[in-house]
Amino acid sequence: MKEGFIKVYDKVLPPNLEDNFEAVFLNYEGSFPKLTYNQIDQLTKTEDKRDNPDKGFGNDFYFDDKYIGEAVYLLQPFYHFCFFKNINPLFILRARAFIQAPSGKNIIQKPHTDVDFSHWVFLYYVNDSDGDTIFYNEQKEIIKRVAPKKGRIAFFDGSIYHSASTPNTSSRAVININFVGKKW
């Protein structure tokens, strides 16, 4: 892959797999999708209640090429994508699941890179929501926005600065995988 790439793919997974994955991930049998930003704020520890726009629940389930959680099924869209795009994932640096509750306002978070060496990023949007992923050039000027859409994948060079923006009206659920890979 050439450096500096940002690719967006829709409908990589079969629709029934997208639906099943969304239902399992968000546990529609339970109550999470109904939680509001204020309820998450109340669940957050007092010392963490600073004006933090990143209210939500995160879980690193794979780190330094080792499973550290029980959510192995969350890798399913990643491996399906790698097969679809003829990518050999050599080493998973970190895999994280994150759900942000709607905040009632759209706040753009600070531009960042996830790690400081050459890698690729797989960002899978579990559900339809608002709260774009924003990409920046080295001067931190916006060069691209990707809107969350169920089944959408943003695949990009990990050296590109990026940030999330908080969802305004609906929960935003993503799987973020940083990895080293090569094309077959």
Protein backbone atom coordinates (compact mmCIF):
# COMPACT_ATOMS: atom_id res chain seq x y z
CA MET A 1 0.00 0.00 0.00
CA LYS A 2 1.22 3.47 -0.72
CA GLU A 3 1.86 5.79 2.22
CA GLY A 4 -0.81 8.33 3.08
CA PHE A 5 -3.74 6.28 1.79
CA ILE A 6 -7.31 6.55 3.10
CA LYS A 7 -9.76 4.07 1.61
CA VAL A 8 -13.44 3.71 2.45
CA TYR A 9 -15.36 0.51 1.73
CA ASP A 10 -19.05 -0.25 2.09
CA LYS A 11 -20.79 -3.62 2.03
CA VAL A 12 -17.67 -5.76 2.49
CA LEU A 13 -19.47 -8.11 4.85
CA PRO A 14 -22.67 -9.90 3.83
CA PRO A 15 -25.73 -7.96 5.15
CA ASN A 16 -26.83 -10.79 7.46
CA LEU A 17 -23.35 -10.85 9.04
CA GLU A 18 -23.45 -7.04 9.51
CA ASP A 19 -26.85 -7.37 11.19
CA ASN A 20 -25.78 -10.25 13.44
CA PHE A 21 -22.56 -8.50 14.37
CA GLU A 22 -24.40 -5.28 15.24
CA ALA A 23 -26.95 -7.17 17.38
CA VAL A 24 -24.28 -9.09 19.30
CA PHE A 25 -21.96 -6.09 19.67
CA LEU A 26 -24.64 -3.72 20.90
CA ASN A 27 -26.54 -6.44 22.77
CA TYR A 28 -29.98 -5.28 21.73
CA GLU A 29 -31.41 -7.74 24.24
CA GLY A 30 -30.02 -5.46 26.95
CA SER A 31 -30.25 -1.73 27.52
CA PHE A 32 -26.95 -0.23 26.34
CA PRO A 33 -28.14 1.48 23.14
CA LYS A 34 -30.68 3.41 25.20
CA LEU A 35 -28.02 4.88 27.53
CA THR A 36 -27.59 8.61 27.14
CA TYR A 37 -24.50 10.76 27.43
CA ASN A 38 -25.73 12.01 30.83
CA GLN A 39 -26.26 8.47 32.11
CA ILE A 40 -22.73 7.51 31.08
CA ASP A 41 -21.53 10.68 32.79
CA GLN A 42 -23.23 9.47 35.99
CA LEU A 43 -21.60 6.04 35.64
CA THR A 44 -18.16 7.60 35.18
CA LYS A 45 -15.89 7.95 38.21
CA THR A 46 -15.98 11.41 39.79
CA GLU A 47 -12.34 12.17 38.95
CA ASP A 48 -13.03 11.34 35.28
CA LYS A 49 -15.94 13.78 34.94
CA ARG A 50 -13.85 16.57 33.46
CA ASP A 51 -15.37 17.99 30.30
CA ASN A 52 -14.41 14.83 28.42
CA PRO A 53 -16.10 14.49 25.01
CA ASP A 54 -15.06 10.84 24.79
CA LYS A 55 -17.83 9.51 27.05
CA GLY A 56 -18.39 5.88 26.37
CA PHE A 57 -17.23 2.36 26.96
CA GLY A 58 -14.00 1.03 25.52
CA ASN A 59 -12.41 -2.39 25.62
CA ASP A 60 -8.98 -3.37 24.35
CA PHE A 61 -9.43 -7.04 23.50
CA TYR A 62 -6.23 -7.74 21.62
CA PHE A 63 -2.86 -6.17 22.38
CA ASP A 64 0.69 -6.84 21.18
CA ASP A 65 -0.49 -9.84 19.11
CA LYS A 66 -2.18 -11.51 22.12
CA TYR A 67 -5.81 -11.85 23.15
CA ILE A 68 -6.41 -9.95 26.37
CA GLY A 69 -10.17 -10.22 26.47
CA GLU A 70 -12.94 -12.62 25.66
CA ALA A 71 -14.30 -10.67 22.70
CA VAL A 72 -12.43 -12.59 20.00
CA TYR A 73 -15.54 -12.53 17.78
CA LEU A 74 -14.87 -8.80 17.31
CA LEU A 75 -12.02 -9.73 14.93
CA GLN A 76 -14.48 -11.33 12.50
CA PRO A 77 -15.04 -8.22 10.30
CA PHE A 78 -11.27 -7.59 10.24
CA TYR A 79 -10.36 -11.05 8.99
CA HIS A 80 -13.21 -11.01 6.49
CA PHE A 81 -11.90 -7.66 5.15
CA CYS A 82 -8.30 -8.93 4.97
CA PHE A 83 -9.45 -11.92 2.93
CA PHE A 84 -11.57 -9.68 0.67
CA LYS A 85 -8.66 -7.27 0.04
CA ASN A 86 -5.86 -9.90 -0.15
CA ILE A 87 -4.10 -8.53 2.93
CA ASN A 88 -1.92 -10.67 5.14
CA PRO A 89 -2.18 -9.29 8.71
CA LEU A 90 1.30 -10.04 10.08
CA PHE A 91 0.93 -8.56 13.56
CA ILE A 92 -2.02 -7.00 15.41
CA LEU A 93 -0.73 -4.17 17.58
CA ARG A 94 -4.03 -3.35 19.26
CA ALA A 95 -7.69 -4.11 18.74
CA ARG A 96 -10.25 -2.00 20.54
CA ALA A 97 -14.02 -1.83 20.67
CA PHE A 98 -15.59 1.50 21.58
CA ILE A 99 -19.13 2.77 22.00
CA GLN A 100 -19.82 6.48 22.48
CA ALA A 101 -23.20 7.69 23.68
CA PRO A 102 -24.84 10.70 22.04
CA SER A 103 -23.76 13.95 23.66
CA GLY A 104 -26.32 16.36 22.24
CA LYS A 105 -23.46 18.30 20.64
CA ASN A 106 -20.81 17.47 18.09
CA ILE A 107 -17.32 17.88 19.55
CA ILE A 108 -14.24 17.21 17.43
CA GLN A 109 -11.56 15.45 19.42
CA LYS A 110 -7.83 16.14 19.23
CA PRO A 111 -6.02 14.87 16.10
CA HIS A 112 -3.67 11.98 16.86
CA THR A 113 -1.97 8.87 15.56
CA ASP A 114 -2.40 5.63 17.50
CA VAL A 115 1.25 4.50 17.45
CA ASP A 116 4.48 6.15 16.30
CA PHE A 117 5.66 3.67 13.69
CA SER A 118 4.49 2.39 10.32
CA HIS A 119 1.20 0.50 10.53
CA TRP A 120 -2.28 0.31 9.05
CA VAL A 121 -5.63 1.03 10.67
CA PHE A 122 -8.87 -0.87 10.16
CA LEU A 123 -11.87 1.07 11.49
CA TYR A 124 -15.19 -0.78 11.29
CA TYR A 125 -18.45 1.08 11.93
CA VAL A 126 -20.83 -1.31 13.69
CA ASN A 127 -23.95 0.82 13.34
CA ASP A 128 -25.45 3.84 11.58
CA SER A 129 -24.75 6.95 13.63
CA ASP A 130 -23.35 10.43 13.47
CA GLY A 131 -19.90 11.42 14.73
CA ASP A 132 -17.57 11.48 11.73
CA THR A 133 -13.98 10.28 11.69
CA ILE A 134 -11.87 13.21 10.53
CA PHE A 135 -8.49 12.99 8.78
CA TYR A 136 -5.83 15.71 8.75
CA ASN A 137 -2.67 16.63 6.90
CA GLU A 138 0.58 17.34 8.80
CA GLN A 139 -0.53 20.95 9.39
CA LYS A 140 -3.65 19.55 11.13
CA GLU A 141 -5.95 20.82 8.36
CA ILE A 142 -8.95 18.62 7.57
CA ILE A 143 -8.46 16.59 4.39
CA LYS A 144 -11.32 14.06 4.65
CA ARG A 145 -14.35 13.13 6.74
CA VAL A 146 -15.89 9.68 6.93
CA ALA A 147 -19.44 9.34 8.25
CA PRO A 148 -20.27 6.24 10.31
CA LYS A 149 -22.49 3.80 8.46
CA LYS A 150 -23.23 0.21 9.44
CA GLY A 151 -20.72 -2.07 7.73
CA ARG A 152 -18.50 0.75 6.50
CA ILE A 153 -14.75 0.33 6.80
CA ALA A 154 -12.18 3.11 6.87
CA PHE A 155 -8.80 1.58 6.06
CA PHE A 156 -5.85 3.95 6.25
CA ASP A 157 -2.16 4.55 6.80
CA GLY A 158 -1.67 4.81 10.56
CA SER A 159 0.69 7.79 10.18
CA ILE A 160 -2.25 9.99 9.12
CA TYR A 161 -3.56 12.21 11.89
CA HIS A 162 -7.20 11.49 12.63
CA SER A 163 -9.85 12.08 15.26
CA ALA A 164 -13.38 11.16 16.08
CA SER A 165 -16.19 13.57 16.64
CA THR A 166 -18.76 12.82 19.29
CA PRO A 167 -22.12 11.56 18.14
CA ASN A 168 -24.94 14.05 18.57
CA THR A 169 -28.08 11.92 18.28
CA SER A 170 -27.20 8.21 18.38
CA SER A 171 -24.60 5.87 19.87
CA ARG A 172 -21.45 5.42 17.76
CA ALA A 173 -19.95 1.92 17.85
CA VAL A 174 -16.60 1.08 16.23
CA ILE A 175 -13.93 -1.60 16.10
CA ASN A 176 -10.45 -0.07 15.74
CA ILE A 177 -7.55 -2.37 14.81
CA ASN A 178 -3.96 -1.20 14.42
CA PHE A 179 -1.84 -3.76 12.59
CA VAL A 180 1.17 -4.45 10.43
CA GLY A 181 0.36 -6.22 7.20
CA LYS A 182 1.27 -6.72 3.59
CA LYS A 183 -0.58 -7.31 0.35
CA TRP A 184 -0.57 -10.89 -0.95
